[in-house]
Amino acid sequence: MQNTFLIIDDDINIRKMLAHIIAKNDLGKVVAELDSGLDAEKEILFYNPDVVLIDLLLPVKDGIEIMQKARNEGYKGKFIMISQVEDEHMISKAYEKGVVFFIGKPINLMEAINVIKEVCRSIQLERSVELIKNTVVGLGGNTAVANNKS
């Protein structure tokens, strides 16, 4: 299953670079790109991407507020934050609110590729565990039904 990505950054060059990294490395498909925080959580919920690449400092709403609102509305995907902010308190707050990785700007190409690949591997592992869990529960459920019929 191909991973889906939503990119939120006010810098078009960053958006294009991230989209290029995703396409060139066959990591998935970019379903949308946003240039501000305006209605961002609604877009996240609409597209329901596996991964949101989000800038911390955005016009209208910051990345942390967007993440918090999307989580409160039920979004279960992964957030990778991209920012030039170096304030440790803000970075800590981003991790507390659910960021799985933080990529600093200017973007280091190899770091971005490796982080996105790692998040994709994590998603694949979670899907495999869920499939195994559902299979085992399904087998257990069938066994219980068979035992009740005896």
Protein backbone atom coordinates (compact mmCIF):
# COMPACT_ATOMS: atom_id res chain seq x y z
CA MET A 1 0.00 0.00 0.00
CA GLN A 2 1.37 3.38 -1.03
CA ASN A 3 1.73 6.03 1.69
CA THR A 4 -0.02 9.37 1.25
CA PHE A 5 1.43 12.74 2.24
CA LEU A 6 0.08 16.23 2.83
CA ILE A 7 2.64 19.07 2.84
CA ILE A 8 1.94 22.31 4.72
CA ASP A 9 4.58 25.03 4.33
CA ASP A 10 4.35 28.69 3.31
CA ASP A 11 7.55 28.36 1.21
CA ILE A 12 6.76 26.93 -2.23
CA ASN A 13 10.38 25.83 -2.66
CA ILE A 14 10.18 23.68 0.48
CA ARG A 15 6.90 22.16 -0.67
CA LYS A 16 8.33 21.35 -4.10
CA MET A 17 11.54 19.92 -2.60
CA LEU A 18 9.60 17.63 -0.25
CA ALA A 19 7.24 16.54 -3.02
CA HIS A 20 10.26 15.81 -5.23
CA ILE A 21 11.93 13.75 -2.46
CA ILE A 22 8.77 11.71 -1.99
CA ALA A 23 8.29 11.08 -5.73
CA LYS A 24 11.95 10.45 -6.60
CA ASN A 25 12.42 7.95 -3.77
CA ASP A 26 9.09 6.21 -4.48
CA LEU A 27 7.91 6.85 -0.91
CA GLY A 28 4.28 7.50 -1.75
CA LYS A 29 1.97 10.12 -3.18
CA VAL A 30 1.47 13.76 -2.22
CA VAL A 31 -2.30 14.24 -2.05
CA ALA A 32 -2.25 17.99 -1.33
CA GLU A 33 -0.04 20.99 -0.56
CA LEU A 34 -1.11 23.93 1.60
CA ASP A 35 0.63 27.28 2.01
CA SER A 36 -0.95 28.38 5.31
CA GLY A 37 -2.68 27.13 8.43
CA LEU A 38 -6.07 28.33 7.19
CA ASP A 39 -8.43 25.32 7.35
CA ALA A 40 -5.40 23.03 7.56
CA GLU A 41 -6.93 20.64 10.09
CA LYS A 42 -10.04 20.33 7.88
CA GLU A 43 -7.81 19.48 4.91
CA ILE A 44 -5.90 16.94 7.02
CA LEU A 45 -9.16 15.27 8.01
CA PHE A 46 -10.48 15.39 4.44
CA TYR A 47 -7.40 13.81 2.82
CA ASN A 48 -6.52 11.68 5.88
CA PRO A 49 -2.89 11.25 4.73
CA ASP A 50 -0.55 8.76 6.36
CA VAL A 51 1.99 11.56 6.92
CA VAL A 52 1.67 15.33 7.29
CA LEU A 53 4.87 17.31 6.68
CA ILE A 54 4.15 20.57 8.49
CA ASP A 55 6.00 23.80 9.13
CA LEU A 56 5.93 25.13 12.68
CA LEU A 57 5.55 28.79 11.75
CA LEU A 58 2.67 29.26 9.32
CA PRO A 59 0.39 32.15 8.40
CA VAL A 60 -2.97 32.11 10.25
CA LYS A 61 -2.24 29.15 12.63
CA ASP A 62 0.99 27.56 13.75
CA GLY A 63 1.81 23.91 13.13
CA ILE A 64 1.36 22.86 16.76
CA GLU A 65 -2.17 24.30 16.91
CA ILE A 66 -3.04 22.56 13.64
CA MET A 67 -1.69 19.23 14.91
CA GLN A 68 -3.61 19.54 18.16
CA LYS A 69 -6.91 20.32 16.42
CA ALA A 70 -6.46 17.53 13.86
CA ARG A 71 -5.71 15.02 16.66
CA ASN A 72 -8.74 16.22 18.66
CA GLU A 73 -10.89 15.64 15.57
CA GLY A 74 -9.61 12.06 15.21
CA TYR A 75 -6.62 12.20 12.85
CA LYS A 76 -4.36 9.20 13.55
CA GLY A 77 -1.53 9.73 11.04
CA LYS A 78 2.05 10.86 11.57
CA PHE A 79 3.39 14.40 11.74
CA ILE A 80 6.88 15.39 10.64
CA MET A 81 7.65 18.99 11.53
CA ILE A 82 9.90 21.13 9.37
CA SER A 83 11.11 24.43 10.77
CA GLN A 84 13.96 26.86 11.13
CA VAL A 85 13.01 27.35 14.79
CA GLU A 86 15.84 26.37 17.11
CA ASP A 87 14.10 27.15 20.40
CA GLU A 88 14.31 23.94 22.46
CA HIS A 89 11.07 24.71 24.33
CA MET A 90 9.10 25.02 21.08
CA ILE A 91 10.68 21.86 19.67
CA SER A 92 9.86 19.98 22.91
CA LYS A 93 6.29 21.24 22.73
CA ALA A 94 6.03 19.94 19.15
CA TYR A 95 7.16 16.48 20.27
CA GLU A 96 4.74 16.56 23.21
CA LYS A 97 1.89 17.30 20.81
CA GLY A 98 2.70 14.37 18.55
CA VAL A 99 5.53 15.12 16.12
CA VAL A 100 7.44 11.93 15.33
CA PHE A 101 10.43 13.73 13.77
CA PHE A 102 11.67 17.30 13.51
CA ILE A 103 13.63 18.39 10.43
CA GLY A 104 15.48 21.68 10.66
CA LYS A 105 15.65 24.28 7.90
CA PRO A 106 17.53 24.70 5.71
CA ILE A 107 16.61 21.16 4.79
CA ASN A 108 19.43 18.65 4.56
CA LEU A 109 18.43 16.40 1.64
CA MET A 110 19.82 13.17 3.12
CA GLU A 111 18.25 13.85 6.53
CA ALA A 112 14.85 14.50 4.93
CA ILE A 113 15.03 11.32 2.84
CA ASN A 114 16.08 9.20 5.82
CA VAL A 115 13.44 10.65 8.14
CA ILE A 116 10.63 10.16 5.62
CA LYS A 117 11.82 6.61 4.86
CA GLU A 118 11.94 5.81 8.58
CA VAL A 119 8.41 7.09 9.12
CA CYS A 120 7.23 5.02 6.13
CA ARG A 121 8.89 1.92 7.62
CA SER A 122 7.17 2.64 10.93
CA ILE A 123 3.79 2.91 9.20
CA GLN A 124 4.40 -0.36 7.36
CA LEU A 125 5.34 -2.09 10.61
CA GLU A 126 2.20 -0.77 12.32
CA ARG A 127 0.06 -2.02 9.43
CA SER A 128 1.69 -5.47 9.64
CA VAL A 129 1.11 -5.67 13.40
CA GLU A 130 -2.52 -4.61 12.93
CA LEU A 131 -3.01 -7.26 10.22
CA ILE A 132 -1.53 -9.96 12.44
CA LYS A 133 -3.61 -8.80 15.39
CA ASN A 134 -6.81 -8.86 13.32
CA THR A 135 -5.96 -12.31 11.98
CA VAL A 136 -5.32 -13.72 15.44
CA VAL A 137 -8.50 -12.15 16.83
CA GLY A 138 -10.39 -13.48 13.83
CA LEU A 139 -9.06 -16.98 14.41
CA GLY A 140 -9.89 -16.77 18.10
CA GLY A 141 -13.39 -15.59 17.30
CA ASN A 142 -13.95 -18.47 14.87
CA THR A 143 -12.65 -20.97 17.42
CA ALA A 144 -15.07 -19.66 20.06
CA VAL A 145 -17.97 -19.98 17.64
CA ALA A 146 -16.92 -23.52 16.70
CA ASN A 147 -16.61 -24.50 20.39
CA ASN A 148 -20.10 -23.16 21.17
CA LYS A 149 -21.62 -25.29 18.41
CA SER A 150 -20.22 -28.53 19.87
